[in-house]
Every structure is written in structure tokens, then in C-alpha cells.
Amino acid sequence: MIGRNVRWTLFRLLVLLTVSSIGKLYFFPDGKPRYRRILVDGKSMHPTYENGQTLWMHTLEYTRLAPQRGDVVVLGNEGESPFYLKRIIGLPGDRIGIRRGQMTVNGNVYENYGHGRIGARLRPLVLAEGEFFVMGDNRPISMGGVVEAGNVLGKIL
């Protein structure tokens, strides 16, 4: 017969292993971290985010849900640097353009998050399936463009 202290220690060890396993599955499903710390580098998202600010990215958000207009996302190639922080402006099927320094989505001016006028021009284009149009909030200095869904690494929380 096992002593009381030994049984209690084994019980606590079993609880600890169970909690650790559940925690690992939650934070690292498929061996990939669910949340990742991101450091803002640059001013393209100013004034929403400041240079040097620390943010958290949810890496699995878009395995369940499709990106939405207005989401701030991290772009890049998995495991490579650099990463880019941009806002989704256009979704698949949207008609995107820049007219008189203002972003247009499906013919309507879209300035919900942007600050300042855009210096570039963009003839209207229609986004294909799996494509998004992204841009930083600091419109005078931010580069925008079309990105493939595979280059969206996660959503900023």
C-alpha cells in the first residue's frame, strides 16, 4: 500500500501534467504559438501605433475567420524578416483606387482610419480571390498594395 504523502504527490503531479498539456495545446496548437509579440518599427501606422510600441499578434485568427476590412495585420513570410504592419482596406472582389489623394473602395471614399492625403495614384483595380489591399494609417508616408492571403501572418489584438 502506498503512503498518503506519496499518493498526494502523485495526484498533484498528474494534475500539473494535465494542466500543462492543456496549456500547451491552447498556446501552441500544431507546435505554432497562438500569440506572438510584435515590435512596431517605423511610422507607417502612426498615430494608431507608435514606433517602438509592443503589440500582440494572434497567429491563428484567420484559420477560423476571414480577414475583415479595418483589421490591422502582420504581413511577411513565415520565419523571415522583415514583417510589416498594415490595415486591410480591400477584400477579394472589391474595386480599389486612389482618386484625388483619397482611397476609394467600390467607388466610395474610404478614409475610416487613414490620416493625411495619399501622394500616389492608383487606377481602379478589382481584387482577385485570396487578395487583399493593405495600407498604413499614416497615408502620406505609407506604402500600400495588394497582398496574397498566404502573406497575412496574423491579426493585431
N, C-alpha and C. Protein backbone atom coordinates (compact mmCIF):
# COMPACT_ATOMS: atom_id res chain seq x y z
N MET A 1 0.84 -1.18 0.00
CA MET A 1 0.00 0.00 0.00
C MET A 1 0.88 1.25 0.00
N ILE A 2 0.54 2.22 -0.86
CA ILE A 2 1.31 3.46 -0.98
C ILE A 2 0.92 4.41 0.14
N GLY A 3 1.92 5.08 0.69
CA GLY A 3 1.67 6.04 1.77
C GLY A 3 0.87 7.24 1.29
N ARG A 4 0.23 7.91 2.24
CA ARG A 4 -0.63 9.06 1.94
C ARG A 4 0.12 10.17 1.23
N ASN A 5 1.35 10.50 1.67
CA ASN A 5 2.13 11.57 1.06
C ASN A 5 2.51 11.24 -0.38
N VAL A 6 2.85 10.00 -0.63
CA VAL A 6 3.22 9.59 -1.98
C VAL A 6 2.01 9.69 -2.91
N ARG A 7 0.84 9.24 -2.45
CA ARG A 7 -0.37 9.33 -3.28
C ARG A 7 -0.71 10.79 -3.57
N TRP A 8 -0.60 11.65 -2.56
CA TRP A 8 -0.91 13.08 -2.74
C TRP A 8 0.07 13.71 -3.73
N THR A 9 1.34 13.36 -3.65
CA THR A 9 2.35 13.88 -4.58
C THR A 9 2.06 13.40 -6.00
N LEU A 10 1.71 12.13 -6.16
CA LEU A 10 1.38 11.61 -7.49
C LEU A 10 0.13 12.29 -8.06
N PHE A 11 -0.86 12.53 -7.20
CA PHE A 11 -2.07 13.23 -7.64
C PHE A 11 -1.74 14.65 -8.13
N ARG A 12 -0.93 15.38 -7.36
CA ARG A 12 -0.54 16.74 -7.75
C ARG A 12 0.26 16.74 -9.05
N LEU A 13 1.13 15.76 -9.20
CA LEU A 13 1.92 15.64 -10.42
C LEU A 13 1.01 15.38 -11.63
N LEU A 14 0.01 14.51 -11.46
CA LEU A 14 -0.94 14.22 -12.52
C LEU A 14 -1.73 15.48 -12.91
N VAL A 15 -2.19 16.24 -11.91
CA VAL A 15 -2.91 17.49 -12.18
C VAL A 15 -2.00 18.47 -12.92
N LEU A 16 -0.76 18.60 -12.49
CA LEU A 16 0.19 19.51 -13.13
C LEU A 16 0.43 19.13 -14.59
N LEU A 17 0.61 17.84 -14.85
CA LEU A 17 0.82 17.37 -16.22
C LEU A 17 -0.41 17.63 -17.09
N THR A 18 -1.59 17.42 -16.54
CA THR A 18 -2.82 17.66 -17.29
C THR A 18 -2.97 19.14 -17.63
N VAL A 19 -2.76 20.01 -16.65
CA VAL A 19 -2.86 21.45 -16.89
C VAL A 19 -1.81 21.90 -17.89
N SER A 20 -0.59 21.39 -17.78
CA SER A 20 0.48 21.75 -18.72
C SER A 20 0.13 21.33 -20.14
N SER A 21 -0.42 20.13 -20.28
CA SER A 21 -0.79 19.64 -21.61
C SER A 21 -1.89 20.50 -22.23
N ILE A 22 -2.89 20.85 -21.43
CA ILE A 22 -3.98 21.70 -21.94
C ILE A 22 -3.43 23.07 -22.31
N GLY A 23 -2.57 23.63 -21.47
CA GLY A 23 -1.96 24.92 -21.77
C GLY A 23 -1.14 24.89 -23.04
N LYS A 24 -0.38 23.82 -23.23
CA LYS A 24 0.43 23.69 -24.45
C LYS A 24 -0.46 23.61 -25.68
N LEU A 25 -1.53 22.85 -25.61
CA LEU A 25 -2.45 22.76 -26.74
C LEU A 25 -3.10 24.10 -27.05
N TYR A 26 -3.40 24.89 -26.01
CA TYR A 26 -4.03 26.19 -26.23
C TYR A 26 -3.05 27.20 -26.81
N PHE A 27 -1.86 27.31 -26.22
CA PHE A 27 -0.92 28.33 -26.65
C PHE A 27 -0.05 27.91 -27.82
N PHE A 28 0.12 26.61 -28.06
CA PHE A 28 0.97 26.13 -29.14
C PHE A 28 0.31 25.01 -29.94
N PRO A 29 -0.89 25.22 -30.48
CA PRO A 29 -1.50 24.16 -31.29
C PRO A 29 -0.65 23.93 -32.53
N ASP A 30 -0.48 22.70 -32.92
CA ASP A 30 0.34 22.33 -34.07
C ASP A 30 1.77 22.82 -33.92
N GLY A 31 2.22 23.03 -32.68
CA GLY A 31 3.58 23.48 -32.45
C GLY A 31 3.84 24.94 -32.77
N LYS A 32 2.81 25.66 -33.15
CA LYS A 32 2.95 27.08 -33.52
C LYS A 32 2.35 27.94 -32.41
N PRO A 33 3.06 28.99 -31.96
CA PRO A 33 2.49 29.81 -30.89
C PRO A 33 1.22 30.53 -31.35
N ARG A 34 0.23 30.57 -30.48
CA ARG A 34 -1.04 31.23 -30.79
C ARG A 34 -0.88 32.75 -30.76
N TYR A 35 -0.07 33.25 -29.85
CA TYR A 35 0.15 34.69 -29.72
C TYR A 35 1.63 34.97 -29.88
N ARG A 36 1.91 36.11 -30.49
CA ARG A 36 3.30 36.47 -30.72
C ARG A 36 3.47 37.96 -30.49
N ARG A 37 4.56 38.33 -29.82
CA ARG A 37 4.85 39.73 -29.54
C ARG A 37 5.46 40.37 -30.78
N ILE A 38 4.96 41.57 -31.13
CA ILE A 38 5.44 42.31 -32.29
C ILE A 38 5.89 43.69 -31.83
N LEU A 39 7.03 44.13 -32.31
CA LEU A 39 7.54 45.46 -32.00
C LEU A 39 7.33 46.34 -33.23
N VAL A 40 6.62 47.47 -33.07
CA VAL A 40 6.38 48.39 -34.18
C VAL A 40 7.70 49.04 -34.57
N ASP A 41 8.03 48.95 -35.86
CA ASP A 41 9.27 49.54 -36.37
C ASP A 41 8.91 50.47 -37.52
N GLY A 42 8.83 51.75 -37.25
CA GLY A 42 8.50 52.72 -38.29
C GLY A 42 7.26 53.51 -37.94
N LYS A 43 6.91 54.42 -38.86
CA LYS A 43 5.80 55.34 -38.60
C LYS A 43 4.63 55.17 -39.56
N SER A 44 4.59 54.08 -40.31
CA SER A 44 3.52 53.93 -41.30
C SER A 44 2.14 53.75 -40.68
N MET A 45 2.07 53.33 -39.41
CA MET A 45 0.77 53.15 -38.75
C MET A 45 0.47 54.27 -37.75
N HIS A 46 1.30 55.31 -37.74
CA HIS A 46 1.07 56.47 -36.86
C HIS A 46 -0.21 57.19 -37.28
N PRO A 47 -1.07 57.67 -36.44
CA PRO A 47 -0.97 57.75 -34.99
C PRO A 47 -1.59 56.55 -34.26
N THR A 48 -2.07 55.56 -34.99
CA THR A 48 -2.70 54.41 -34.33
C THR A 48 -1.70 53.66 -33.46
N TYR A 49 -0.52 53.40 -34.02
CA TYR A 49 0.55 52.74 -33.28
C TYR A 49 1.82 53.56 -33.44
N GLU A 50 2.60 53.65 -32.38
CA GLU A 50 3.82 54.45 -32.37
C GLU A 50 5.05 53.57 -32.58
N ASN A 51 6.08 54.15 -33.18
CA ASN A 51 7.35 53.48 -33.35
C ASN A 51 7.86 53.00 -31.98
N GLY A 52 8.26 51.74 -31.89
CA GLY A 52 8.76 51.17 -30.65
C GLY A 52 7.70 50.55 -29.76
N GLN A 53 6.43 50.71 -30.10
CA GLN A 53 5.35 50.16 -29.29
C GLN A 53 5.31 48.64 -29.43
N THR A 54 4.99 47.95 -28.34
CA THR A 54 4.86 46.49 -28.35
C THR A 54 3.39 46.11 -28.51
N LEU A 55 3.12 45.21 -29.46
CA LEU A 55 1.76 44.74 -29.74
C LEU A 55 1.76 43.21 -29.68
N TRP A 56 0.55 42.64 -29.64
CA TRP A 56 0.40 41.19 -29.68
C TRP A 56 -0.36 40.79 -30.93
N MET A 57 0.15 39.76 -31.59
CA MET A 57 -0.47 39.23 -32.81
C MET A 57 -1.09 37.87 -32.48
N HIS A 58 -2.32 37.65 -32.96
CA HIS A 58 -2.98 36.34 -32.85
C HIS A 58 -2.67 35.61 -34.15
N THR A 59 -1.88 34.55 -34.05
CA THR A 59 -1.39 33.87 -35.25
C THR A 59 -2.42 32.95 -35.90
N LEU A 60 -3.45 32.57 -35.16
CA LEU A 60 -4.42 31.60 -35.69
C LEU A 60 -5.78 32.21 -35.99
N GLU A 61 -5.90 33.53 -35.88
CA GLU A 61 -7.19 34.20 -36.08
C GLU A 61 -7.81 33.84 -37.42
N TYR A 62 -6.99 33.81 -38.47
CA TYR A 62 -7.53 33.62 -39.81
C TYR A 62 -7.58 32.16 -40.25
N THR A 63 -7.36 31.23 -39.33
CA THR A 63 -7.62 29.83 -39.65
C THR A 63 -9.10 29.53 -39.50
N ARG A 64 -9.80 30.36 -38.70
CA ARG A 64 -11.24 30.19 -38.46
C ARG A 64 -12.08 31.23 -39.18
N LEU A 65 -11.56 32.45 -39.26
CA LEU A 65 -12.31 33.58 -39.80
C LEU A 65 -11.56 34.22 -40.94
N ALA A 66 -12.28 34.85 -41.84
CA ALA A 66 -11.64 35.58 -42.94
C ALA A 66 -11.26 36.98 -42.46
N PRO A 67 -10.15 37.53 -42.95
CA PRO A 67 -9.80 38.91 -42.61
C PRO A 67 -10.93 39.86 -43.00
N GLN A 68 -11.11 40.90 -42.20
CA GLN A 68 -12.16 41.89 -42.44
C GLN A 68 -11.55 43.26 -42.72
N ARG A 69 -12.29 44.08 -43.44
CA ARG A 69 -11.86 45.45 -43.69
C ARG A 69 -11.66 46.15 -42.34
N GLY A 70 -10.55 46.82 -42.19
CA GLY A 70 -10.24 47.51 -40.95
C GLY A 70 -9.32 46.73 -40.02
N ASP A 71 -9.16 45.43 -40.23
CA ASP A 71 -8.24 44.65 -39.40
C ASP A 71 -6.82 45.14 -39.60
N VAL A 72 -6.05 45.22 -38.52
CA VAL A 72 -4.62 45.50 -38.62
C VAL A 72 -3.92 44.16 -38.58
N VAL A 73 -3.09 43.91 -39.60
CA VAL A 73 -2.47 42.60 -39.76
C VAL A 73 -0.95 42.73 -39.85
N VAL A 74 -0.30 41.60 -39.60
CA VAL A 74 1.14 41.48 -39.78
C VAL A 74 1.36 40.72 -41.07
N LEU A 75 2.19 41.28 -41.94
CA LEU A 75 2.46 40.70 -43.25
C LEU A 75 3.92 40.27 -43.34
N GLY A 76 4.16 39.24 -44.12
CA GLY A 76 5.53 38.79 -44.35
C GLY A 76 5.53 37.33 -44.75
N ASN A 77 6.71 36.74 -44.74
CA ASN A 77 6.88 35.32 -44.99
C ASN A 77 7.23 34.66 -43.67
N GLU A 78 6.55 33.57 -43.34
CA GLU A 78 6.75 32.89 -42.06
C GLU A 78 8.23 32.56 -41.86
N GLY A 79 8.75 32.94 -40.72
CA GLY A 79 10.14 32.64 -40.37
C GLY A 79 11.16 33.58 -40.96
N GLU A 80 10.75 34.58 -41.71
CA GLU A 80 11.68 35.53 -42.31
C GLU A 80 11.38 36.94 -41.82
N SER A 81 12.37 37.79 -41.90
CA SER A 81 12.19 39.21 -41.59
C SER A 81 12.34 39.98 -42.89
N PRO A 82 11.83 41.14 -43.04
CA PRO A 82 11.09 41.91 -42.04
C PRO A 82 9.60 41.58 -42.09
N PHE A 83 8.90 42.04 -41.06
CA PHE A 83 7.45 41.97 -41.02
C PHE A 83 6.92 43.37 -41.25
N TYR A 84 5.70 43.46 -41.76
CA TYR A 84 5.06 44.75 -42.00
C TYR A 84 3.72 44.78 -41.28
N LEU A 85 3.39 45.92 -40.74
CA LEU A 85 2.13 46.13 -40.03
C LEU A 85 1.28 47.05 -40.91
N LYS A 86 0.11 46.56 -41.36
CA LYS A 86 -0.75 47.34 -42.25
C LYS A 86 -2.22 47.07 -41.89
N ARG A 87 -3.08 47.93 -42.43
CA ARG A 87 -4.52 47.78 -42.23
C ARG A 87 -5.15 47.26 -43.52
N ILE A 88 -6.09 46.31 -43.39
CA ILE A 88 -6.79 45.80 -44.57
C ILE A 88 -7.83 46.83 -45.00
N ILE A 89 -7.71 47.26 -46.24
CA ILE A 89 -8.63 48.25 -46.83
C ILE A 89 -9.59 47.56 -47.80
N GLY A 90 -9.06 46.65 -48.61
CA GLY A 90 -9.87 45.99 -49.63
C GLY A 90 -9.89 44.49 -49.47
N LEU A 91 -11.04 43.90 -49.77
CA LEU A 91 -11.27 42.46 -49.67
C LEU A 91 -11.42 41.87 -51.07
N PRO A 92 -11.31 40.54 -51.20
CA PRO A 92 -11.50 39.93 -52.51
C PRO A 92 -12.81 40.38 -53.16
N GLY A 93 -12.71 40.77 -54.44
CA GLY A 93 -13.88 41.24 -55.19
C GLY A 93 -14.08 42.74 -55.12
N ASP A 94 -13.41 43.44 -54.21
CA ASP A 94 -13.54 44.90 -54.10
C ASP A 94 -12.82 45.59 -55.25
N ARG A 95 -13.35 46.74 -55.62
CA ARG A 95 -12.72 47.62 -56.61
C ARG A 95 -12.03 48.74 -55.83
N ILE A 96 -10.71 48.79 -55.93
CA ILE A 96 -9.87 49.70 -55.15
C ILE A 96 -9.26 50.75 -56.07
N GLY A 97 -9.15 51.97 -55.58
CA GLY A 97 -8.47 53.02 -56.33
C GLY A 97 -8.06 54.16 -55.41
N ILE A 98 -7.24 55.06 -55.95
CA ILE A 98 -6.87 56.29 -55.24
C ILE A 98 -7.22 57.43 -56.17
N ARG A 99 -8.09 58.32 -55.69
CA ARG A 99 -8.56 59.44 -56.51
C ARG A 99 -8.42 60.72 -55.68
N ARG A 100 -7.72 61.69 -56.25
CA ARG A 100 -7.50 62.99 -55.60
C ARG A 100 -6.97 62.84 -54.17
N GLY A 101 -6.03 61.93 -53.99
CA GLY A 101 -5.40 61.75 -52.69
C GLY A 101 -6.23 60.97 -51.69
N GLN A 102 -7.34 60.38 -52.14
CA GLN A 102 -8.20 59.63 -51.22
C GLN A 102 -8.41 58.21 -51.72
N MET A 103 -8.44 57.29 -50.77
CA MET A 103 -8.68 55.88 -51.05
C MET A 103 -10.15 55.68 -51.42
N THR A 104 -10.41 54.89 -52.47
CA THR A 104 -11.79 54.54 -52.80
C THR A 104 -11.95 53.02 -52.78
N VAL A 105 -13.07 52.58 -52.25
CA VAL A 105 -13.42 51.16 -52.21
C VAL A 105 -14.81 51.06 -52.83
N ASN A 106 -14.88 50.33 -53.94
CA ASN A 106 -16.15 50.16 -54.67
C ASN A 106 -16.78 51.51 -55.02
N GLY A 107 -15.92 52.47 -55.41
CA GLY A 107 -16.39 53.78 -55.85
C GLY A 107 -16.65 54.78 -54.74
N ASN A 108 -16.58 54.37 -53.48
CA ASN A 108 -16.83 55.27 -52.35
C ASN A 108 -15.53 55.63 -51.65
N VAL A 109 -15.42 56.88 -51.23
CA VAL A 109 -14.23 57.31 -50.49
C VAL A 109 -14.17 56.55 -49.17
N TYR A 110 -13.01 55.99 -48.89
CA TYR A 110 -12.81 55.20 -47.66
C TYR A 110 -11.66 55.81 -46.87
N GLU A 111 -11.97 56.57 -45.89
CA GLU A 111 -10.95 57.21 -45.05
C GLU A 111 -11.22 56.94 -43.58
N ASN A 112 -11.75 55.79 -43.26
CA ASN A 112 -12.12 55.47 -41.88
C ASN A 112 -10.94 55.51 -40.92
N TYR A 113 -9.76 55.12 -41.37
CA TYR A 113 -8.62 55.03 -40.47
C TYR A 113 -7.44 55.88 -40.93
N GLY A 114 -7.43 56.29 -42.16
CA GLY A 114 -6.28 56.99 -42.70
C GLY A 114 -6.14 58.41 -42.20
N HIS A 115 -4.91 58.85 -42.11
CA HIS A 115 -4.60 60.21 -41.68
C HIS A 115 -3.70 60.84 -42.73
N GLY A 116 -4.16 61.91 -43.35
CA GLY A 116 -3.39 62.59 -44.38
C GLY A 116 -3.78 62.12 -45.77
N ARG A 117 -3.33 62.88 -46.75
CA ARG A 117 -3.64 62.56 -48.15
C ARG A 117 -2.58 61.63 -48.72
N ILE A 118 -3.00 60.83 -49.66
CA ILE A 118 -2.11 59.88 -50.32
C ILE A 118 -1.48 60.57 -51.51
N GLY A 119 -0.15 60.50 -51.61
CA GLY A 119 0.54 61.15 -52.70
C GLY A 119 0.51 60.36 -54.00
N ALA A 120 0.33 59.07 -53.93
CA ALA A 120 0.35 58.21 -55.13
C ALA A 120 -1.01 58.18 -55.81
N ARG A 121 -0.99 57.70 -57.03
CA ARG A 121 -2.24 57.45 -57.77
C ARG A 121 -2.37 55.95 -57.98
N LEU A 122 -3.61 55.52 -58.08
CA LEU A 122 -3.86 54.11 -58.36
C LEU A 122 -5.12 54.03 -59.21
N ARG A 123 -4.94 53.51 -60.41
CA ARG A 123 -6.12 53.27 -61.24
C ARG A 123 -6.94 52.17 -60.60
N PRO A 124 -8.25 52.25 -60.75
CA PRO A 124 -9.09 51.22 -60.12
C PRO A 124 -8.68 49.81 -60.54
N LEU A 125 -8.65 48.93 -59.58
CA LEU A 125 -8.37 47.52 -59.84
C LEU A 125 -9.30 46.68 -58.99
N VAL A 126 -9.61 45.50 -59.48
CA VAL A 126 -10.50 44.58 -58.75
C VAL A 126 -9.64 43.48 -58.14
N LEU A 127 -9.80 43.27 -56.85
CA LEU A 127 -9.02 42.26 -56.14
C LEU A 127 -9.55 40.86 -56.46
N ALA A 128 -8.63 39.96 -56.76
CA ALA A 128 -8.99 38.57 -57.05
C ALA A 128 -9.23 37.80 -55.75
N GLU A 129 -9.74 36.59 -55.89
CA GLU A 129 -9.94 35.73 -54.72
C GLU A 129 -8.59 35.50 -54.04
N GLY A 130 -8.57 35.65 -52.72
CA GLY A 130 -7.34 35.46 -51.97
C GLY A 130 -6.42 36.66 -51.95
N GLU A 131 -6.89 37.82 -52.44
CA GLU A 131 -6.08 39.04 -52.43
C GLU A 131 -6.72 40.09 -51.53
N PHE A 132 -5.86 40.88 -50.91
CA PHE A 132 -6.30 41.99 -50.05
C PHE A 132 -5.49 43.22 -50.41
N PHE A 133 -6.10 44.39 -50.24
CA PHE A 133 -5.36 45.64 -50.40
C PHE A 133 -5.10 46.17 -49.01
N VAL A 134 -3.83 46.46 -48.73
CA VAL A 134 -3.44 46.94 -47.40
C VAL A 134 -2.74 48.28 -47.51
N MET A 135 -2.80 49.03 -46.42
CA MET A 135 -2.12 50.33 -46.36
C MET A 135 -1.95 50.72 -44.90
N GLY A 136 -0.93 51.52 -44.63
CA GLY A 136 -0.72 52.04 -43.29
C GLY A 136 -1.65 53.22 -43.03
N ASP A 137 -1.85 53.55 -41.77
CA ASP A 137 -2.74 54.66 -41.41
C ASP A 137 -2.12 56.03 -41.67
N ASN A 138 -0.81 56.11 -41.71
CA ASN A 138 -0.11 57.37 -41.97
C ASN A 138 0.05 57.50 -43.49
N ARG A 139 -1.03 57.88 -44.15
CA ARG A 139 -1.13 57.81 -45.61
C ARG A 139 -0.03 58.55 -46.38
N PRO A 140 0.43 59.73 -45.95
CA PRO A 140 1.46 60.41 -46.74
C PRO A 140 2.78 59.63 -46.86
N ILE A 141 3.11 58.80 -45.88
CA ILE A 141 4.40 58.09 -45.95
C ILE A 141 4.26 56.59 -46.12
N SER A 142 3.06 56.05 -46.03
CA SER A 142 2.87 54.60 -46.05
C SER A 142 2.72 54.07 -47.47
N MET A 143 3.37 52.96 -47.72
CA MET A 143 3.20 52.27 -48.99
C MET A 143 2.06 51.27 -48.82
N GLY A 144 1.21 51.19 -49.81
CA GLY A 144 0.12 50.23 -49.79
C GLY A 144 0.21 49.34 -51.00
N GLY A 145 -0.59 48.29 -51.02
CA GLY A 145 -0.59 47.42 -52.17
C GLY A 145 -1.40 46.16 -51.95
N VAL A 146 -1.36 45.32 -52.97
CA VAL A 146 -2.09 44.05 -52.96
C VAL A 146 -1.20 42.98 -52.33
N VAL A 147 -1.77 42.20 -51.42
CA VAL A 147 -1.06 41.08 -50.81
C VAL A 147 -1.90 39.81 -50.94
N GLU A 148 -1.22 38.70 -51.01
CA GLU A 148 -1.88 37.40 -51.04
C GLU A 148 -2.24 36.97 -49.62
N ALA A 149 -3.30 36.21 -49.49
CA ALA A 149 -3.75 35.74 -48.17
C ALA A 149 -2.66 34.98 -47.44
N GLY A 150 -1.81 34.26 -48.16
CA GLY A 150 -0.73 33.49 -47.54
C GLY A 150 0.33 34.34 -46.87
N ASN A 151 0.38 35.63 -47.20
CA ASN A 151 1.35 36.54 -46.58
C ASN A 151 0.80 37.25 -45.35
N VAL A 152 -0.46 36.97 -45.00
CA VAL A 152 -1.04 37.53 -43.78
C VAL A 152 -0.72 36.55 -42.65
N LEU A 153 0.18 36.96 -41.76
CA LEU A 153 0.66 36.07 -40.70
C LEU A 153 -0.22 36.07 -39.46
N GLY A 154 -0.97 37.15 -39.25
CA GLY A 154 -1.83 37.20 -38.07
C GLY A 154 -2.47 38.56 -37.91
N LYS A 155 -3.34 38.65 -36.91
CA LYS A 155 -4.10 39.87 -36.63
C LYS A 155 -3.59 40.49 -35.33
N ILE A 156 -3.44 41.82 -35.34
CA ILE A 156 -3.06 42.53 -34.13
C ILE A 156 -4.26 42.58 -33.19
N LEU A 157 -4.02 42.28 -31.93
CA LEU A 157 -5.09 42.30 -30.93
C LEU A 157 -5.30 43.70 -30.41
